[in-house]
Amino acid sequence: MTRPFRYSRGSIWILKGDKTPFIAGVQGASRPILLMSNDIHNRHSPSVNGFTISTTIRDKVRLPVHVRINIDGVSCDVQLEQPKTVNKGQLAKYLGKLDEDSMKRVEEALLLQFAIKS
């Protein structure tokens, strides 16, 4: 994985967990996040938009909007049904940039999630 400018579309970060109580279907622990907001927004805004990545994929129901990716040899699912807007200060550690093939699969699944006709 190559290092992009600080917050670029397709980059993967560790998102710091928040201390709010658990809400069904919403995780509060630290976890990877895939940034998907456009790079102009990412350069000028204090926040970024992305999708959480689950590293626990055993015995989980895979939705059509879960995209299997690999992060440092670990299979993970990008969960496109859970968009998040986060402050850049919540991004703790840069992990790398998503490869071109995986990015294409994420973009195709986003069209499905938001019912956008290509």
PDB file of N, CA and C in Angstrom:
ATOM      1  N   MET A   1       0.841  -1.175   0.000  1.00  0.00           N
ATOM      2  CA  MET A   1       0.000   0.000   0.000  1.00  0.00           C
ATOM      3  C   MET A   1       0.890   1.243   0.000  1.00  0.00           C
ATOM      4  N   THR A   2       0.535   2.231  -0.817  1.00  0.00           N
ATOM      5  CA  THR A   2       1.317   3.453  -0.895  1.00  0.00           C
ATOM      6  C   THR A   2       0.714   4.521   0.002  1.00  0.00           C
ATOM      7  N   ARG A   3       1.527   5.462   0.424  1.00  0.00           N
ATOM      8  CA  ARG A   3       1.048   6.523   1.309  1.00  0.00           C
ATOM      9  C   ARG A   3       0.538   7.704   0.479  1.00  0.00           C
ATOM     10  N   PRO A   4      -0.746   8.054   0.600  1.00  0.00           N
ATOM     11  CA  PRO A   4      -1.304   9.217  -0.106  1.00  0.00           C
ATOM     12  C   PRO A   4      -1.100  10.471   0.747  1.00  0.00           C
ATOM     13  N   PHE A   5      -1.648  11.613   0.280  1.00  0.00           N
ATOM     14  CA  PHE A   5      -1.639  12.759   1.180  1.00  0.00           C
ATOM     15  C   PHE A   5      -2.476  12.381   2.397  1.00  0.00           C
ATOM     16  N   ARG A   6      -2.424  13.117   3.403  1.00  0.00           N
ATOM     17  CA  ARG A   6      -2.919  12.724   4.731  1.00  0.00           C
ATOM     18  C   ARG A   6      -4.284  12.025   4.746  1.00  0.00           C
ATOM     19  N   TYR A   7      -5.305  12.624   4.167  1.00  0.00           N
ATOM     20  CA  TYR A   7      -6.641  12.016   4.205  1.00  0.00           C
ATOM     21  C   TYR A   7      -7.170  11.906   2.780  1.00  0.00           C
ATOM     22  N   SER A   8      -6.948  10.820   2.102  1.00  0.00           N
ATOM     23  CA  SER A   8      -7.393  10.705   0.720  1.00  0.00           C
ATOM     24  C   SER A   8      -8.467   9.635   0.571  1.00  0.00           C
ATOM     25  N   ARG A   9      -9.261   9.797  -0.467  1.00  0.00           N
ATOM     26  CA  ARG A   9     -10.299   8.819  -0.791  1.00  0.00           C
ATOM     27  C   ARG A   9      -9.642   7.466  -1.033  1.00  0.00           C
ATOM     28  N   GLY A  10     -10.175   6.442  -0.375  1.00  0.00           N
ATOM     29  CA  GLY A  10      -9.628   5.102  -0.515  1.00  0.00           C
ATOM     30  C   GLY A  10      -8.597   4.746   0.537  1.00  0.00           C
ATOM     31  N   SER A  11      -8.261   5.713   1.403  1.00  0.00           N
ATOM     32  CA  SER A  11      -7.303   5.388   2.461  1.00  0.00           C
ATOM     33  C   SER A  11      -8.027   4.719   3.635  1.00  0.00           C
ATOM     34  N   ILE A  12      -7.273   3.889   4.343  1.00  0.00           N
ATOM     35  CA  ILE A  12      -7.821   3.133   5.472  1.00  0.00           C
ATOM     36  C   ILE A  12      -7.111   3.601   6.735  1.00  0.00           C
ATOM     37  N   TRP A  13      -7.903   3.910   7.738  1.00  0.00           N
ATOM     38  CA  TRP A  13      -7.406   4.424   9.018  1.00  0.00           C
ATOM     39  C   TRP A  13      -7.997   3.614  10.163  1.00  0.00           C
ATOM     40  N   ILE A  14      -7.376   3.722  11.328  1.00  0.00           N
ATOM     41  CA  ILE A  14      -8.002   3.243  12.560  1.00  0.00           C
ATOM     42  C   ILE A  14      -8.806   4.410  13.109  1.00  0.00           C
ATOM     43  N   LEU A  15     -10.082   4.184  13.320  1.00  0.00           N
ATOM     44  CA  LEU A  15     -10.995   5.166  13.892  1.00  0.00           C
ATOM     45  C   LEU A  15     -11.046   4.929  15.394  1.00  0.00           C
ATOM     46  N   LYS A  16     -10.714   5.951  16.174  1.00  0.00           N
ATOM     47  CA  LYS A  16     -10.769   5.821  17.629  1.00  0.00           C
ATOM     48  C   LYS A  16     -12.194   5.532  18.053  1.00  0.00           C
ATOM     49  N   GLY A  17     -12.364   4.629  19.000  1.00  0.00           N
ATOM     50  CA  GLY A  17     -13.691   4.328  19.531  1.00  0.00           C
ATOM     51  C   GLY A  17     -14.216   5.490  20.339  1.00  0.00           C
ATOM     52  N   ASP A  18     -15.537   5.585  20.400  1.00  0.00           N
ATOM     53  CA  ASP A  18     -16.116   6.621  21.252  1.00  0.00           C
ATOM     54  C   ASP A  18     -16.640   5.964  22.520  1.00  0.00           C
ATOM     55  N   LYS A  19     -16.933   6.787  23.492  1.00  0.00           N
ATOM     56  CA  LYS A  19     -17.338   6.286  24.808  1.00  0.00           C
ATOM     57  C   LYS A  19     -18.860   6.239  24.984  1.00  0.00           C
ATOM     58  N   THR A  20     -19.605   6.473  23.906  1.00  0.00           N
ATOM     59  CA  THR A  20     -21.057   6.465  24.021  1.00  0.00           C
ATOM     60  C   THR A  20     -21.558   5.046  24.247  1.00  0.00           C
ATOM     61  N   PRO A  21     -22.708   4.895  24.914  1.00  0.00           N
ATOM     62  CA  PRO A  21     -23.241   3.553  25.136  1.00  0.00           C
ATOM     63  C   PRO A  21     -23.541   2.844  23.825  1.00  0.00           C
ATOM     64  N   PHE A  22     -23.481   1.518  23.847  1.00  0.00           N
ATOM     65  CA  PHE A  22     -23.743   0.706  22.661  1.00  0.00           C
ATOM     66  C   PHE A  22     -25.169   0.918  22.174  1.00  0.00           C
ATOM     67  N   ILE A  23     -25.303   1.101  20.873  1.00  0.00           N
ATOM     68  CA  ILE A  23     -26.610   1.173  20.217  1.00  0.00           C
ATOM     69  C   ILE A  23     -26.641   0.009  19.246  1.00  0.00           C
ATOM     70  N   ALA A  24     -27.738  -0.719  19.192  1.00  0.00           N
ATOM     71  CA  ALA A  24     -27.822  -1.908  18.336  1.00  0.00           C
ATOM     72  C   ALA A  24     -27.330  -1.612  16.930  1.00  0.00           C
ATOM     73  N   GLY A  25     -26.364  -2.409  16.462  1.00  0.00           N
ATOM     74  CA  GLY A  25     -25.851  -2.282  15.108  1.00  0.00           C
ATOM     75  C   GLY A  25     -24.801  -1.208  14.919  1.00  0.00           C
ATOM     76  N   VAL A  26     -24.454  -0.473  15.986  1.00  0.00           N
ATOM     77  CA  VAL A  26     -23.457   0.586  15.882  1.00  0.00           C
ATOM     78  C   VAL A  26     -22.331   0.280  16.869  1.00  0.00           C
ATOM     79  N   GLN A  27     -21.121   0.165  16.351  1.00  0.00           N
ATOM     80  CA  GLN A  27     -19.969  -0.162  17.183  1.00  0.00           C
ATOM     81  C   GLN A  27     -19.375   1.093  17.802  1.00  0.00           C
ATOM     82  N   GLY A  28     -18.863   0.966  19.034  1.00  0.00           N
ATOM     83  CA  GLY A  28     -18.197   2.076  19.697  1.00  0.00           C
ATOM     84  C   GLY A  28     -16.704   1.857  19.849  1.00  0.00           C
ATOM     85  N   ALA A  29     -16.213   0.641  19.579  1.00  0.00           N
ATOM     86  CA  ALA A  29     -14.791   0.327  19.742  1.00  0.00           C
ATOM     87  C   ALA A  29     -13.966   0.886  18.590  1.00  0.00           C
ATOM     88  N   SER A  30     -12.668   0.992  18.811  1.00  0.00           N
ATOM     89  CA  SER A  30     -11.771   1.396  17.732  1.00  0.00           C
ATOM     90  C   SER A  30     -11.821   0.349  16.629  1.00  0.00           C
ATOM     91  N   ARG A  31     -11.807   0.824  15.383  1.00  0.00           N
ATOM     92  CA  ARG A  31     -11.907  -0.104  14.255  1.00  0.00           C
ATOM     93  C   ARG A  31     -11.431   0.573  12.985  1.00  0.00           C
ATOM     94  N   PRO A  32     -11.127  -0.210  11.953  1.00  0.00           N
ATOM     95  CA  PRO A  32     -10.721   0.409  10.684  1.00  0.00           C
ATOM     96  C   PRO A  32     -11.904   1.106  10.003  1.00  0.00           C
ATOM     97  N   ILE A  33     -11.575   2.133   9.247  1.00  0.00           N
ATOM     98  CA  ILE A  33     -12.576   2.844   8.449  1.00  0.00           C
ATOM     99  C   ILE A  33     -11.962   3.157   7.080  1.00  0.00           C
ATOM    100  N   LEU A  34     -12.776   3.005   6.035  1.00  0.00           N
ATOM    101  CA  LEU A  34     -12.371   3.330   4.672  1.00  0.00           C
ATOM    102  C   LEU A  34     -12.913   4.712   4.336  1.00  0.00           C
ATOM    103  N   LEU A  35     -12.031   5.659   4.019  1.00  0.00           N
ATOM    104  CA  LEU A  35     -12.474   7.007   3.668  1.00  0.00           C
ATOM    105  C   LEU A  35     -12.962   7.020   2.222  1.00  0.00           C
ATOM    106  N   MET A  36     -14.156   7.590   2.003  1.00  0.00           N
ATOM    107  CA  MET A  36     -14.740   7.629   0.660  1.00  0.00           C
ATOM    108  C   MET A  36     -15.166   9.020   0.225  1.00  0.00           C
ATOM    109  N   SER A  37     -15.032  10.018   1.083  1.00  0.00           N
ATOM    110  CA  SER A  37     -15.359  11.373   0.648  1.00  0.00           C
ATOM    111  C   SER A  37     -14.309  11.833  -0.370  1.00  0.00           C
ATOM    112  N   ASN A  38     -14.702  12.779  -1.219  1.00  0.00           N
ATOM    113  CA  ASN A  38     -13.790  13.206  -2.288  1.00  0.00           C
ATOM    114  C   ASN A  38     -12.615  14.000  -1.722  1.00  0.00           C
ATOM    115  N   ASP A  39     -11.531  14.015  -2.471  1.00  0.00           N
ATOM    116  CA  ASP A  39     -10.291  14.592  -1.971  1.00  0.00           C
ATOM    117  C   ASP A  39     -10.349  16.109  -1.765  1.00  0.00           C
ATOM    118  N   ILE A  40     -11.174  16.816  -2.511  1.00  0.00           N
ATOM    119  CA  ILE A  40     -11.327  18.261  -2.274  1.00  0.00           C
ATOM    120  C   ILE A  40     -11.957  18.474  -0.901  1.00  0.00           C
ATOM    121  N   HIS A  41     -13.012  17.734  -0.617  1.00  0.00           N
ATOM    122  CA  HIS A  41     -13.636  17.792   0.710  1.00  0.00           C
ATOM    123  C   HIS A  41     -12.611  17.421   1.781  1.00  0.00           C
ATOM    124  N   ASN A  42     -11.884  16.331   1.547  1.00  0.00           N
ATOM    125  CA  ASN A  42     -10.936  15.831   2.542  1.00  0.00           C
ATOM    126  C   ASN A  42      -9.836  16.843   2.868  1.00  0.00           C
ATOM    127  N   ARG A  43      -9.424  17.645   1.882  1.00  0.00           N
ATOM    128  CA  ARG A  43      -8.370  18.646   2.107  1.00  0.00           C
ATOM    129  C   ARG A  43      -8.866  19.841   2.913  1.00  0.00           C
ATOM    130  N   HIS A  44     -10.143  20.228   2.715  1.00  0.00           N
ATOM    131  CA  HIS A  44     -10.614  21.492   3.263  1.00  0.00           C
ATOM    132  C   HIS A  44     -11.577  21.377   4.440  1.00  0.00           C
ATOM    133  N   SER A  45     -12.111  20.224   4.694  1.00  0.00           N
ATOM    134  CA  SER A  45     -13.095  20.060   5.760  1.00  0.00           C
ATOM    135  C   SER A  45     -12.442  19.459   7.008  1.00  0.00           C
ATOM    136  N   PRO A  46     -12.972  19.789   8.178  1.00  0.00           N
ATOM    137  CA  PRO A  46     -12.454  19.164   9.407  1.00  0.00           C
ATOM    138  C   PRO A  46     -12.961  17.724   9.583  1.00  0.00           C
ATOM    139  N   SER A  47     -13.892  17.320   8.718  1.00  0.00           N
ATOM    140  CA  SER A  47     -14.444  15.970   8.815  1.00  0.00           C
ATOM    141  C   SER A  47     -14.241  15.215   7.504  1.00  0.00           C
ATOM    142  N   VAL A  48     -14.398  13.898   7.578  1.00  0.00           N
ATOM    143  CA  VAL A  48     -14.333  13.027   6.404  1.00  0.00           C
ATOM    144  C   VAL A  48     -15.489  12.041   6.486  1.00  0.00           C
ATOM    145  N   ASN A  49     -15.825  11.450   5.349  1.00  0.00           N
ATOM    146  CA  ASN A  49     -16.896  10.453   5.300  1.00  0.00           C
ATOM    147  C   ASN A  49     -16.292   9.110   4.950  1.00  0.00           C
ATOM    148  N   GLY A  50     -16.808   8.077   5.596  1.00  0.00           N
ATOM    149  CA  GLY A  50     -16.277   6.756   5.316  1.00  0.00           C
ATOM    150  C   GLY A  50     -17.225   5.652   5.743  1.00  0.00           C
ATOM    151  N   PHE A  51     -16.702   4.432   5.680  1.00  0.00           N
ATOM    152  CA  PHE A  51     -17.470   3.242   6.025  1.00  0.00           C
ATOM    153  C   PHE A  51     -16.624   2.357   6.923  1.00  0.00           C
ATOM    154  N   THR A  52     -17.249   1.844   7.955  1.00  0.00           N
ATOM    155  CA  THR A  52     -16.528   0.993   8.887  1.00  0.00           C
ATOM    156  C   THR A  52     -16.142  -0.320   8.224  1.00  0.00           C
ATOM    157  N   ILE A  53     -15.105  -0.916   8.755  1.00  0.00           N
ATOM    158  CA  ILE A  53     -14.596  -2.191   8.267  1.00  0.00           C
ATOM    159  C   ILE A  53     -14.634  -3.174   9.419  1.00  0.00           C
ATOM    160  N   SER A  54     -15.264  -4.317   9.201  1.00  0.00           N
ATOM    161  CA  SER A  54     -15.331  -5.356  10.227  1.00  0.00           C
ATOM    162  C   SER A  54     -14.221  -6.361  10.006  1.00  0.00           C
ATOM    163  N   THR A  55     -13.458  -6.601  11.058  1.00  0.00           N
ATOM    164  CA  THR A  55     -12.414  -7.621  10.983  1.00  0.00           C
ATOM    165  C   THR A  55     -12.912  -8.950  11.538  1.00  0.00           C
ATOM    166  N   THR A  56     -14.132  -8.957  12.073  1.00  0.00           N
ATOM    167  CA  THR A  56     -14.734 -10.191  12.583  1.00  0.00           C
ATOM    168  C   THR A  56     -15.764 -10.644  11.562  1.00  0.00           C
ATOM    169  N   ILE A  57     -15.389 -11.605  10.723  1.00  0.00           N
ATOM    170  CA  ILE A  57     -16.304 -12.003   9.646  1.00  0.00           C
ATOM    171  C   ILE A  57     -16.804 -13.434   9.790  1.00  0.00           C
ATOM    172  N   ARG A  58     -16.363 -14.149  10.813  1.00  0.00           N
ATOM    173  CA  ARG A  58     -16.847 -15.515  11.021  1.00  0.00           C
ATOM    174  C   ARG A  58     -18.327 -15.487  11.411  1.00  0.00           C
ATOM    175  N   ASP A  59     -19.090 -16.383  10.856  1.00  0.00           N
ATOM    176  CA  ASP A  59     -20.495 -16.584  11.223  1.00  0.00           C
ATOM    177  C   ASP A  59     -21.355 -15.330  11.107  1.00  0.00           C
ATOM    178  N   LYS A  60     -20.945 -14.366  10.309  1.00  0.00           N
ATOM    179  CA  LYS A  60     -21.748 -13.166  10.101  1.00  0.00           C
ATOM    180  C   LYS A  60     -22.545 -13.302   8.819  1.00  0.00           C
ATOM    181  N   VAL A  61     -23.716 -12.733   8.817  1.00  0.00           N
ATOM    182  CA  VAL A  61     -24.495 -12.665   7.588  1.00  0.00           C
ATOM    183  C   VAL A  61     -23.839 -11.620   6.697  1.00  0.00           C
ATOM    184  N   ARG A  62     -23.489 -12.010   5.479  1.00  0.00           N
ATOM    185  CA  ARG A  62     -22.900 -11.051   4.541  1.00  0.00           C
ATOM    186  C   ARG A  62     -23.998 -10.450   3.691  1.00  0.00           C
ATOM    187  N   LEU A  63     -24.112  -9.170   3.767  1.00  0.00           N
ATOM    188  CA  LEU A  63     -25.080  -8.449   2.955  1.00  0.00           C
ATOM    189  C   LEU A  63     -24.473  -8.172   1.583  1.00  0.00           C
ATOM    190  N   PRO A  64     -25.311  -7.921   0.578  1.00  0.00           N
ATOM    191  CA  PRO A  64     -24.773  -7.598  -0.758  1.00  0.00           C
ATOM    192  C   PRO A  64     -23.919  -6.330  -0.759  1.00  0.00           C
ATOM    193  N   VAL A  65     -24.041  -5.527   0.287  1.00  0.00           N
ATOM    194  CA  VAL A  65     -23.252  -4.299   0.372  1.00  0.00           C
ATOM    195  C   VAL A  65     -22.072  -4.449   1.331  1.00  0.00           C
ATOM    196  N   HIS A  66     -21.678  -5.672   1.631  1.00  0.00           N
ATOM    197  CA  HIS A  66     -20.421  -5.948   2.336  1.00  0.00           C
ATOM    198  C   HIS A  66     -19.402  -6.347   1.282  1.00  0.00           C
ATOM    199  N   VAL A  67     -18.281  -5.668   1.254  1.00  0.00           N
ATOM    200  CA  VAL A  67     -17.244  -5.948   0.272  1.00  0.00           C
ATOM    201  C   VAL A  67     -16.033  -6.517   0.999  1.00  0.00           C
ATOM    202  N   ARG A  68     -15.643  -7.721   0.624  1.00  0.00           N
ATOM    203  CA  ARG A  68     -14.483  -8.385   1.238  1.00  0.00           C
ATOM    204  C   ARG A  68     -13.203  -7.766   0.706  1.00  0.00           C
ATOM    205  N   ILE A  69     -12.350  -7.320   1.626  1.00  0.00           N
ATOM    206  CA  ILE A  69     -11.043  -6.775   1.276  1.00  0.00           C
ATOM    207  C   ILE A  69      -9.990  -7.455   2.146  1.00  0.00           C
ATOM    208  N   ASN A  70      -8.744  -7.120   1.878  1.00  0.00           N
ATOM    209  CA  ASN A  70      -7.641  -7.681   2.636  1.00  0.00           C
ATOM    210  C   ASN A  70      -6.799  -6.531   3.171  1.00  0.00           C
ATOM    211  N   ILE A  71      -6.571  -6.535   4.496  1.00  0.00           N
ATOM    212  CA  ILE A  71      -5.711  -5.533   5.113  1.00  0.00           C
ATOM    213  C   ILE A  71      -4.559  -6.277   5.779  1.00  0.00           C
ATOM    214  N   ASP A  72      -3.390  -6.127   5.236  1.00  0.00           N
ATOM    215  CA  ASP A  72      -2.190  -6.780   5.790  1.00  0.00           C
ATOM    216  C   ASP A  72      -2.401  -8.264   6.052  1.00  0.00           C
ATOM    217  N   GLY A  73      -3.004  -8.961   5.081  1.00  0.00           N
ATOM    218  CA  GLY A  73      -3.196 -10.403   5.184  1.00  0.00           C
ATOM    219  C   GLY A  73      -4.423 -10.836   5.958  1.00  0.00           C
ATOM    220  N   VAL A  74      -5.236  -9.892   6.422  1.00  0.00           N
ATOM    221  CA  VAL A  74      -6.450 -10.208   7.184  1.00  0.00           C
ATOM    222  C   VAL A  74      -7.673  -9.908   6.329  1.00  0.00           C
ATOM    223  N   SER A  75      -8.572 -10.899   6.178  1.00  0.00           N
ATOM    224  CA  SER A  75      -9.825 -10.674   5.443  1.00  0.00           C
ATOM    225  C   SER A  75     -10.768  -9.843   6.294  1.00  0.00           C
ATOM    226  N   CYS A  76     -11.362  -8.841   5.672  1.00  0.00           N
ATOM    227  CA  CYS A  76     -12.269  -7.910   6.357  1.00  0.00           C
ATOM    228  C   CYS A  76     -13.441  -7.599   5.440  1.00  0.00           C
ATOM    229  N   ASP A  77     -14.511  -7.078   6.007  1.00  0.00           N
ATOM    230  CA  ASP A  77     -15.655  -6.622   5.222  1.00  0.00           C
ATOM    231  C   ASP A  77     -15.861  -5.132   5.408  1.00  0.00           C
ATOM    232  N   VAL A  78     -15.886  -4.384   4.296  1.00  0.00           N
ATOM    233  CA  VAL A  78     -16.295  -2.980   4.336  1.00  0.00           C
ATOM    234  C   VAL A  78     -17.816  -3.007   4.414  1.00  0.00           C
ATOM    235  N   GLN A  79     -18.380  -2.334   5.398  1.00  0.00           N
ATOM    236  CA  GLN A  79     -19.824  -2.360   5.644  1.00  0.00           C
ATOM    237  C   GLN A  79     -20.458  -1.089   5.090  1.00  0.00           C
ATOM    238  N   LEU A  80     -20.936  -1.193   3.860  1.00  0.00           N
ATOM    239  CA  LEU A  80     -21.429  -0.009   3.169  1.00  0.00           C
ATOM    240  C   LEU A  80     -22.828   0.418   3.597  1.00  0.00           C
ATOM    241  N   GLU A  81     -23.444  -0.337   4.491  1.00  0.00           N
ATOM    242  CA  GLU A  81     -24.733   0.087   5.034  1.00  0.00           C
ATOM    243  C   GLU A  81     -24.546   0.991   6.249  1.00  0.00           C
ATOM    244  N   GLN A  82     -23.286   1.257   6.635  1.00  0.00           N
ATOM    245  CA  GLN A  82     -23.013   2.055   7.829  1.00  0.00           C
ATOM    246  C   GLN A  82     -22.113   3.251   7.521  1.00  0.00           C
ATOM    247  N   PRO A  83     -22.613   4.252   6.775  1.00  0.00           N
ATOM    248  CA  PRO A  83     -21.774   5.428   6.517  1.00  0.00           C
ATOM    249  C   PRO A  83     -21.527   6.205   7.807  1.00  0.00           C
ATOM    250  N   LYS A  84     -20.348   6.790   7.898  1.00  0.00           N
ATOM    251  CA  LYS A  84     -19.998   7.587   9.078  1.00  0.00           C
ATOM    252  C   LYS A  84     -19.349   8.888   8.637  1.00  0.00           C
ATOM    253  N   THR A  85     -19.686   9.961   9.331  1.00  0.00           N
ATOM    254  CA  THR A  85     -18.965  11.218   9.202  1.00  0.00           C
ATOM    255  C   THR A  85     -18.185  11.377  10.493  1.00  0.00           C
ATOM    256  N   VAL A  86     -16.876  11.553  10.364  1.00  0.00           N
ATOM    257  CA  VAL A  86     -16.027  11.638  11.554  1.00  0.00           C
ATOM    258  C   VAL A  86     -15.089  12.824  11.454  1.00  0.00           C
ATOM    259  N   ASN A  87     -14.749  13.362  12.605  1.00  0.00           N
ATOM    260  CA  ASN A  87     -13.771  14.427  12.695  1.00  0.00           C
ATOM    261  C   ASN A  87     -12.393  13.826  12.437  1.00  0.00           C
ATOM    262  N   LYS A  88     -11.546  14.530  11.717  1.00  0.00           N
ATOM    263  CA  LYS A  88     -10.215  14.007  11.405  1.00  0.00           C
ATOM    264  C   LYS A  88      -9.421  13.657  12.667  1.00  0.00           C
ATOM    265  N   GLY A  89      -9.727  14.327  13.770  1.00  0.00           N
ATOM    266  CA  GLY A  89      -9.050  14.041  15.033  1.00  0.00           C
ATOM    267  C   GLY A  89      -9.358  12.651  15.573  1.00  0.00           C
ATOM    268  N   GLN A  90     -10.419  12.022  15.062  1.00  0.00           N
ATOM    269  CA  GLN A  90     -10.778  10.671  15.488  1.00  0.00           C
ATOM    270  C   GLN A  90      -9.980   9.598  14.737  1.00  0.00           C
ATOM    271  N   LEU A  91      -9.227  10.005  13.709  1.00  0.00           N
ATOM    272  CA  LEU A  91      -8.450   9.039  12.934  1.00  0.00           C
ATOM    273  C   LEU A  91      -7.091   8.876  13.595  1.00  0.00           C
ATOM    274  N   ALA A  92      -6.870   7.678  14.144  1.00  0.00           N
ATOM    275  CA  ALA A  92      -5.701   7.466  14.985  1.00  0.00           C
ATOM    276  C   ALA A  92      -4.458   7.029  14.225  1.00  0.00           C
ATOM    277  N   LYS A  93      -4.612   6.156  13.223  1.00  0.00           N
ATOM    278  CA  LYS A  93      -3.436   5.594  12.562  1.00  0.00           C
ATOM    279  C   LYS A  93      -3.755   5.251  11.117  1.00  0.00           C
ATOM    280  N   TYR A  94      -2.878   5.667  10.224  1.00  0.00           N
ATOM    281  CA  TYR A  94      -3.017   5.352   8.802  1.00  0.00           C
ATOM    282  C   TYR A  94      -2.564   3.915   8.570  1.00  0.00           C
ATOM    283  N   LEU A  95      -3.412   3.115   7.870  1.00  0.00           N
ATOM    284  CA  LEU A  95      -3.065   1.727   7.583  1.00  0.00           C
ATOM    285  C   LEU A  95      -2.642   1.504   6.139  1.00  0.00           C
ATOM    286  N   GLY A  96      -3.099   2.350   5.221  1.00  0.00           N
ATOM    287  CA  GLY A  96      -2.738   2.178   3.815  1.00  0.00           C
ATOM    288  C   GLY A  96      -3.859   2.611   2.899  1.00  0.00           C
ATOM    289  N   LYS A  97      -3.709   2.300   1.627  1.00  0.00           N
ATOM    290  CA  LYS A  97      -4.686   2.686   0.607  1.00  0.00           C
ATOM    291  C   LYS A  97      -5.250   1.428  -0.038  1.00  0.00           C
ATOM    292  N   LEU A  98      -6.543   1.431  -0.281  1.00  0.00           N
ATOM    293  CA  LEU A  98      -7.215   0.293  -0.898  1.00  0.00           C
ATOM    294  C   LEU A  98      -6.722   0.116  -2.330  1.00  0.00           C
ATOM    295  N   ASP A  99      -6.511  -1.134  -2.750  1.00  0.00           N
ATOM    296  CA  ASP A  99      -6.056  -1.389  -4.112  1.00  0.00           C
ATOM    297  C   ASP A  99      -7.177  -1.081  -5.108  1.00  0.00           C
ATOM    298  N   GLU A 100      -6.796  -0.902  -6.374  1.00  0.00           N
ATOM    299  CA  GLU A 100      -7.729  -0.472  -7.424  1.00  0.00           C
ATOM    300  C   GLU A 100      -8.901  -1.440  -7.621  1.00  0.00           C
ATOM    301  N   ASP A 101      -8.645  -2.743  -7.619  1.00  0.00           N
ATOM    302  CA  ASP A 101      -9.705  -3.731  -7.808  1.00  0.00           C
ATOM    303  C   ASP A 101     -10.719  -3.684  -6.663  1.00  0.00           C
ATOM    304  N   SER A 102     -10.228  -3.616  -5.434  1.00  0.00           N
ATOM    305  CA  SER A 102     -11.125  -3.544  -4.274  1.00  0.00           C
ATOM    306  C   SER A 102     -11.934  -2.253  -4.288  1.00  0.00           C
ATOM    307  N   MET A 103     -11.285  -1.146  -4.689  1.00  0.00           N
ATOM    308  CA  MET A 103     -11.983   0.142  -4.766  1.00  0.00           C
ATOM    309  C   MET A 103     -13.122   0.071  -5.774  1.00  0.00           C
ATOM    310  N   LYS A 104     -12.896  -0.588  -6.893  1.00  0.00           N
ATOM    311  CA  LYS A 104     -13.945  -0.736  -7.911  1.00  0.00           C
ATOM    312  C   LYS A 104     -15.127  -1.532  -7.345  1.00  0.00           C
ATOM    313  N   ARG A 105     -14.847  -2.597  -6.596  1.00  0.00           N
ATOM    314  CA  ARG A 105     -15.926  -3.402  -5.994  1.00  0.00           C
ATOM    315  C   ARG A 105     -16.690  -2.599  -4.947  1.00  0.00           C
ATOM    316  N   VAL A 106     -15.987  -1.766  -4.189  1.00  0.00           N
ATOM    317  CA  VAL A 106     -16.651  -0.892  -3.203  1.00  0.00           C
ATOM    318  C   VAL A 106     -17.559   0.096  -3.926  1.00  0.00           C
ATOM    319  N   GLU A 107     -17.069   0.725  -4.980  1.00  0.00           N
ATOM    320  CA  GLU A 107     -17.867   1.701  -5.729  1.00  0.00           C
ATOM    321  C   GLU A 107     -19.115   1.053  -6.334  1.00  0.00           C
ATOM    322  N   GLU A 108     -18.992  -0.169  -6.860  1.00  0.00           N
ATOM    323  CA  GLU A 108     -20.152  -0.881  -7.415  1.00  0.00           C
ATOM    324  C   GLU A 108     -21.180  -1.190  -6.318  1.00  0.00           C
ATOM    325  N   ALA A 109     -20.708  -1.596  -5.154  1.00  0.00           N
ATOM    326  CA  ALA A 109     -21.625  -1.896  -4.051  1.00  0.00           C
ATOM    327  C   ALA A 109     -22.291  -0.625  -3.520  1.00  0.00           C
ATOM    328  N   LEU A 110     -21.599   0.510  -3.584  1.00  0.00           N
ATOM    329  CA  LEU A 110     -22.205   1.781  -3.172  1.00  0.00           C
ATOM    330  C   LEU A 110     -23.382   2.144  -4.074  1.00  0.00           C
ATOM    331  N   LEU A 111     -23.247   1.880  -5.370  1.00  0.00           N
ATOM    332  CA  LEU A 111     -24.351   2.125  -6.283  1.00  0.00           C
ATOM    333  C   LEU A 111     -25.584   1.308  -5.854  1.00  0.00           C
ATOM    334  N   LEU A 112     -25.349   0.073  -5.463  1.00  0.00           N
ATOM    335  CA  LEU A 112     -26.427  -0.790  -4.984  1.00  0.00           C
ATOM    336  C   LEU A 112     -27.016  -0.273  -3.672  1.00  0.00           C
ATOM    337  N   GLN A 113     -26.161   0.083  -2.725  1.00  0.00           N
ATOM    338  CA  GLN A 113     -26.630   0.541  -1.418  1.00  0.00           C
ATOM    339  C   GLN A 113     -27.527   1.775  -1.525  1.00  0.00           C
ATOM    340  N   PHE A 114     -27.134   2.701  -2.382  1.00  0.00           N
ATOM    341  CA  PHE A 114     -27.891   3.945  -2.490  1.00  0.00           C
ATOM    342  C   PHE A 114     -28.826   3.987  -3.695  1.00  0.00           C
ATOM    343  N   ALA A 115     -29.035   2.813  -4.326  1.00  0.00           N
ATOM    344  CA  ALA A 115     -29.953   2.670  -5.456  1.00  0.00           C
ATOM    345  C   ALA A 115     -29.676   3.698  -6.551  1.00  0.00           C
ATOM    346  N   ILE A 116     -28.399   3.833  -6.886  1.00  0.00           N
ATOM    347  CA  ILE A 116     -27.979   4.745  -7.951  1.00  0.00           C
ATOM    348  C   ILE A 116     -27.787   3.938  -9.221  1.00  0.00           C
ATOM    349  N   LYS A 117     -28.451   4.347 -10.273  1.00  0.00           N
ATOM    350  CA  LYS A 117     -28.314   3.653 -11.551  1.00  0.00           C
ATOM    351  C   LYS A 117     -27.065   4.149 -12.259  1.00  0.00           C
ATOM    352  N   SER A 118     -26.233   3.206 -12.699  1.00  0.00           N
ATOM    353  CA  SER A 118     -24.979   3.628 -13.344  1.00  0.00           C
ATOM    354  C   SER A 118     -25.180   3.934 -14.808  1.00  0.00           C
TER     355      SER A 118
END
